N, C-alpha and C. Protein backbone atom coordinates (compact mmCIF):
# COMPACT_ATOMS: atom_id res chain seq x y z
N MET A 1 -1.57 -61.65 20.62
CA MET A 1 -0.55 -62.54 20.10
C MET A 1 -0.67 -63.93 20.71
N ARG A 2 -0.99 -63.97 22.00
CA ARG A 2 -1.09 -65.27 22.67
C ARG A 2 -2.21 -66.10 22.05
N THR A 3 -3.30 -65.43 21.64
CA THR A 3 -4.42 -66.14 21.01
C THR A 3 -3.95 -66.81 19.72
N ILE A 4 -3.18 -66.09 18.92
CA ILE A 4 -2.67 -66.65 17.67
C ILE A 4 -1.72 -67.81 17.96
N GLU A 5 -0.82 -67.60 18.91
CA GLU A 5 0.16 -68.64 19.23
C GLU A 5 -0.50 -69.93 19.74
N ASN A 6 -1.64 -69.79 20.39
CA ASN A 6 -2.32 -70.95 20.96
C ASN A 6 -3.34 -71.58 20.02
N SER A 7 -3.48 -71.04 18.83
CA SER A 7 -4.48 -71.55 17.90
C SER A 7 -3.83 -72.09 16.63
N PRO A 8 -3.87 -73.41 16.43
CA PRO A 8 -3.31 -73.96 15.19
C PRO A 8 -3.96 -73.35 13.94
N ALA A 9 -5.25 -73.09 14.00
CA ALA A 9 -5.93 -72.52 12.82
C ALA A 9 -5.44 -71.11 12.52
N LEU A 10 -5.27 -70.29 13.56
CA LEU A 10 -4.79 -68.92 13.34
C LEU A 10 -3.32 -68.92 12.90
N LYS A 11 -2.53 -69.81 13.45
CA LYS A 11 -1.13 -69.91 13.03
C LYS A 11 -1.05 -70.34 11.56
N ALA A 12 -1.92 -71.27 11.17
CA ALA A 12 -1.95 -71.70 9.77
C ALA A 12 -2.37 -70.55 8.87
N ARG A 13 -3.33 -69.76 9.30
CA ARG A 13 -3.79 -68.61 8.51
C ARG A 13 -2.66 -67.58 8.36
N ALA A 14 -1.93 -67.34 9.42
CA ALA A 14 -0.79 -66.41 9.35
C ALA A 14 0.25 -66.92 8.37
N ARG A 15 0.50 -68.23 8.40
CA ARG A 15 1.47 -68.83 7.47
C ARG A 15 0.99 -68.66 6.02
N LEU A 16 -0.31 -68.84 5.80
CA LEU A 16 -0.87 -68.65 4.45
C LEU A 16 -0.73 -67.21 3.99
N LEU A 17 -0.89 -66.27 4.89
CA LEU A 17 -0.72 -64.86 4.53
C LEU A 17 0.72 -64.58 4.09
N PHE A 18 1.69 -65.15 4.81
CA PHE A 18 3.08 -64.99 4.41
C PHE A 18 3.33 -65.64 3.05
N GLU A 19 2.77 -66.83 2.85
CA GLU A 19 2.96 -67.52 1.57
C GLU A 19 2.34 -66.73 0.42
N ASP A 20 1.17 -66.16 0.65
CA ASP A 20 0.51 -65.35 -0.37
C ASP A 20 1.34 -64.11 -0.69
N SER A 21 1.85 -63.46 0.34
CA SER A 21 2.71 -62.29 0.12
C SER A 21 3.95 -62.65 -0.67
N GLU A 22 4.53 -63.79 -0.35
CA GLU A 22 5.72 -64.25 -1.07
C GLU A 22 5.40 -64.51 -2.54
N ALA A 23 4.25 -65.13 -2.81
CA ALA A 23 3.85 -65.41 -4.19
C ALA A 23 3.60 -64.11 -4.95
N GLN A 24 2.99 -63.14 -4.30
CA GLN A 24 2.75 -61.84 -4.95
C GLN A 24 4.06 -61.13 -5.25
N LEU A 25 5.00 -61.20 -4.32
CA LEU A 25 6.31 -60.60 -4.55
C LEU A 25 7.02 -61.28 -5.71
N ALA A 26 6.97 -62.60 -5.77
CA ALA A 26 7.60 -63.33 -6.88
C ALA A 26 6.97 -62.92 -8.20
N SER A 27 5.67 -62.76 -8.21
CA SER A 27 4.98 -62.33 -9.43
C SER A 27 5.44 -60.94 -9.86
N ALA A 28 5.55 -60.03 -8.90
CA ALA A 28 6.02 -58.68 -9.22
C ALA A 28 7.45 -58.69 -9.74
N LEU A 29 8.28 -59.56 -9.17
CA LEU A 29 9.66 -59.66 -9.64
C LEU A 29 9.72 -60.23 -11.06
N ARG A 30 8.85 -61.21 -11.35
CA ARG A 30 8.78 -61.73 -12.73
C ARG A 30 8.32 -60.62 -13.68
N ASP A 31 7.34 -59.84 -13.24
CA ASP A 31 6.84 -58.74 -14.07
C ASP A 31 7.93 -57.70 -14.34
N SER A 32 8.89 -57.60 -13.42
CA SER A 32 9.97 -56.63 -13.60
C SER A 32 11.11 -57.17 -14.45
N GLY A 33 10.98 -58.45 -14.88
CA GLY A 33 11.97 -58.98 -15.81
C GLY A 33 12.76 -60.17 -15.33
N LEU A 34 12.62 -60.55 -14.07
CA LEU A 34 13.35 -61.73 -13.60
C LEU A 34 12.70 -63.00 -14.13
N ASP A 35 13.51 -63.99 -14.40
CA ASP A 35 12.98 -65.30 -14.75
C ASP A 35 12.30 -65.91 -13.51
N ASP A 36 11.54 -66.97 -13.73
CA ASP A 36 10.73 -67.56 -12.66
C ASP A 36 11.56 -68.01 -11.46
N GLU A 37 12.58 -68.81 -11.68
CA GLU A 37 13.34 -69.34 -10.54
C GLU A 37 14.03 -68.26 -9.73
N PRO A 38 14.75 -67.32 -10.36
CA PRO A 38 15.35 -66.25 -9.55
C PRO A 38 14.29 -65.40 -8.83
N ALA A 39 13.15 -65.19 -9.46
CA ALA A 39 12.08 -64.41 -8.82
C ALA A 39 11.56 -65.14 -7.58
N ARG A 40 11.35 -66.44 -7.69
CA ARG A 40 10.84 -67.21 -6.56
C ARG A 40 11.85 -67.28 -5.42
N VAL A 41 13.12 -67.48 -5.75
CA VAL A 41 14.16 -67.55 -4.71
C VAL A 41 14.32 -66.20 -4.03
N THR A 42 14.36 -65.13 -4.81
CA THR A 42 14.49 -63.78 -4.23
C THR A 42 13.31 -63.48 -3.32
N ALA A 43 12.11 -63.79 -3.76
CA ALA A 43 10.92 -63.55 -2.94
C ALA A 43 10.99 -64.36 -1.65
N ALA A 44 11.44 -65.60 -1.73
CA ALA A 44 11.54 -66.44 -0.54
C ALA A 44 12.56 -65.88 0.45
N LEU A 45 13.68 -65.40 -0.06
CA LEU A 45 14.70 -64.83 0.82
C LEU A 45 14.21 -63.57 1.52
N ILE A 46 13.57 -62.70 0.76
CA ILE A 46 13.02 -61.47 1.35
C ILE A 46 11.95 -61.82 2.37
N SER A 47 11.08 -62.74 2.02
CA SER A 47 10.00 -63.15 2.93
C SER A 47 10.55 -63.75 4.21
N SER A 48 11.67 -64.46 4.11
CA SER A 48 12.23 -65.08 5.32
C SER A 48 12.67 -64.03 6.33
N VAL A 49 13.16 -62.90 5.86
CA VAL A 49 13.54 -61.83 6.78
C VAL A 49 12.28 -61.29 7.47
N TYR A 50 11.22 -61.07 6.72
CA TYR A 50 9.98 -60.60 7.32
C TYR A 50 9.42 -61.60 8.32
N GLN A 51 9.51 -62.89 8.02
CA GLN A 51 9.02 -63.90 8.95
C GLN A 51 9.84 -63.92 10.23
N LEU A 52 11.15 -63.75 10.09
CA LEU A 52 12.01 -63.66 11.27
C LEU A 52 11.60 -62.47 12.13
N LEU A 53 11.35 -61.33 11.50
CA LEU A 53 10.95 -60.14 12.24
C LEU A 53 9.61 -60.36 12.94
N ALA A 54 8.67 -61.01 12.27
CA ALA A 54 7.36 -61.27 12.87
C ALA A 54 7.50 -62.20 14.08
N ARG A 55 8.33 -63.24 13.95
CA ARG A 55 8.53 -64.16 15.08
C ARG A 55 9.20 -63.45 16.25
N GLU A 56 10.17 -62.62 15.95
CA GLU A 56 10.87 -61.88 17.00
C GLU A 56 9.91 -60.93 17.71
N LEU A 57 9.08 -60.24 16.95
CA LEU A 57 8.10 -59.33 17.54
C LEU A 57 7.15 -60.11 18.45
N SER A 58 6.64 -61.21 17.96
CA SER A 58 5.73 -62.03 18.75
C SER A 58 6.39 -62.50 20.05
N THR A 59 7.59 -63.01 19.95
CA THR A 59 8.31 -63.49 21.13
C THR A 59 8.49 -62.37 22.15
N ARG A 60 8.89 -61.21 21.67
CA ARG A 60 9.13 -60.09 22.58
C ARG A 60 7.84 -59.55 23.19
N LEU A 61 6.77 -59.49 22.41
CA LEU A 61 5.49 -59.05 22.94
C LEU A 61 4.99 -60.00 24.03
N LEU A 62 5.08 -61.30 23.75
CA LEU A 62 4.63 -62.29 24.73
C LEU A 62 5.49 -62.28 25.99
N ALA A 63 6.76 -61.91 25.84
CA ALA A 63 7.66 -61.85 27.00
C ALA A 63 7.50 -60.56 27.79
N GLY A 64 6.76 -59.61 27.23
CA GLY A 64 6.56 -58.33 27.92
C GLY A 64 7.73 -57.37 27.79
N ASP A 65 8.55 -57.55 26.77
CA ASP A 65 9.68 -56.64 26.58
C ASP A 65 9.21 -55.22 26.37
N LYS A 66 10.05 -54.29 26.73
CA LYS A 66 9.72 -52.88 26.56
C LYS A 66 9.73 -52.51 25.08
N PRO A 67 8.84 -51.61 24.67
CA PRO A 67 8.76 -51.23 23.25
C PRO A 67 10.08 -50.73 22.67
N ALA A 68 10.81 -49.93 23.43
CA ALA A 68 12.08 -49.39 22.91
C ALA A 68 13.08 -50.51 22.64
N ALA A 69 13.15 -51.47 23.54
CA ALA A 69 14.07 -52.60 23.34
C ALA A 69 13.64 -53.45 22.16
N THR A 70 12.34 -53.62 22.01
CA THR A 70 11.81 -54.40 20.88
C THR A 70 12.13 -53.71 19.56
N ARG A 71 11.88 -52.41 19.50
CA ARG A 71 12.20 -51.66 18.27
C ARG A 71 13.68 -51.78 17.92
N LYS A 72 14.54 -51.63 18.92
CA LYS A 72 15.98 -51.70 18.70
C LYS A 72 16.38 -53.08 18.16
N ALA A 73 15.84 -54.12 18.76
CA ALA A 73 16.17 -55.49 18.33
C ALA A 73 15.65 -55.76 16.92
N LEU A 74 14.43 -55.33 16.62
CA LEU A 74 13.87 -55.54 15.29
C LEU A 74 14.65 -54.76 14.23
N ARG A 75 15.01 -53.54 14.57
CA ARG A 75 15.80 -52.72 13.63
C ARG A 75 17.13 -53.39 13.33
N ALA A 76 17.77 -53.93 14.37
CA ALA A 76 19.07 -54.59 14.17
C ALA A 76 18.92 -55.83 13.29
N LEU A 77 17.90 -56.64 13.56
CA LEU A 77 17.67 -57.83 12.73
C LEU A 77 17.37 -57.46 11.28
N ALA A 78 16.52 -56.46 11.09
CA ALA A 78 16.17 -56.03 9.73
C ALA A 78 17.40 -55.50 9.00
N THR A 79 18.21 -54.72 9.69
CA THR A 79 19.42 -54.17 9.08
C THR A 79 20.35 -55.29 8.62
N VAL A 80 20.60 -56.24 9.49
CA VAL A 80 21.50 -57.35 9.14
C VAL A 80 20.88 -58.20 8.03
N GLY A 81 19.61 -58.54 8.17
CA GLY A 81 18.96 -59.40 7.18
C GLY A 81 18.96 -58.80 5.79
N PHE A 82 18.52 -57.55 5.69
CA PHE A 82 18.44 -56.94 4.36
C PHE A 82 19.82 -56.56 3.82
N ARG A 83 20.77 -56.25 4.70
CA ARG A 83 22.13 -55.99 4.23
C ARG A 83 22.72 -57.26 3.62
N GLN A 84 22.50 -58.39 4.29
CA GLN A 84 23.03 -59.66 3.76
C GLN A 84 22.38 -60.00 2.42
N LEU A 85 21.11 -59.71 2.28
CA LEU A 85 20.46 -59.96 0.99
C LEU A 85 21.04 -59.07 -0.10
N ARG A 86 21.28 -57.80 0.23
CA ARG A 86 21.84 -56.88 -0.77
C ARG A 86 23.25 -57.28 -1.18
N GLN A 87 24.05 -57.68 -0.20
CA GLN A 87 25.47 -57.95 -0.46
C GLN A 87 25.76 -59.40 -0.81
N GLY A 88 24.78 -60.24 -0.64
CA GLY A 88 25.01 -61.67 -0.82
C GLY A 88 25.36 -62.27 0.52
N ILE A 89 24.88 -63.43 0.79
CA ILE A 89 25.10 -64.06 2.08
C ILE A 89 26.54 -64.55 2.15
N ARG A 90 27.21 -64.17 3.22
CA ARG A 90 28.63 -64.51 3.39
C ARG A 90 28.83 -65.28 4.66
């Protein structure tokens, strides 16, 4: 993780992977019947939760946090993030 964090090229590649995943998700949502704009917004919102989880994992790994604590924190973030997406952000 430290290698990625210290490399602008690797960080850029990771960002491109997230962007590609988001575009693929938007495409799948359009294929399922959503119009373009709602598909793109929905994909971006879902992707943002995954990006938050990836950043949190990286931060905790670099800090040397214990695996159990990391799992608990990631589970809590995922639960809140995806619950808010399902229910609408309040």
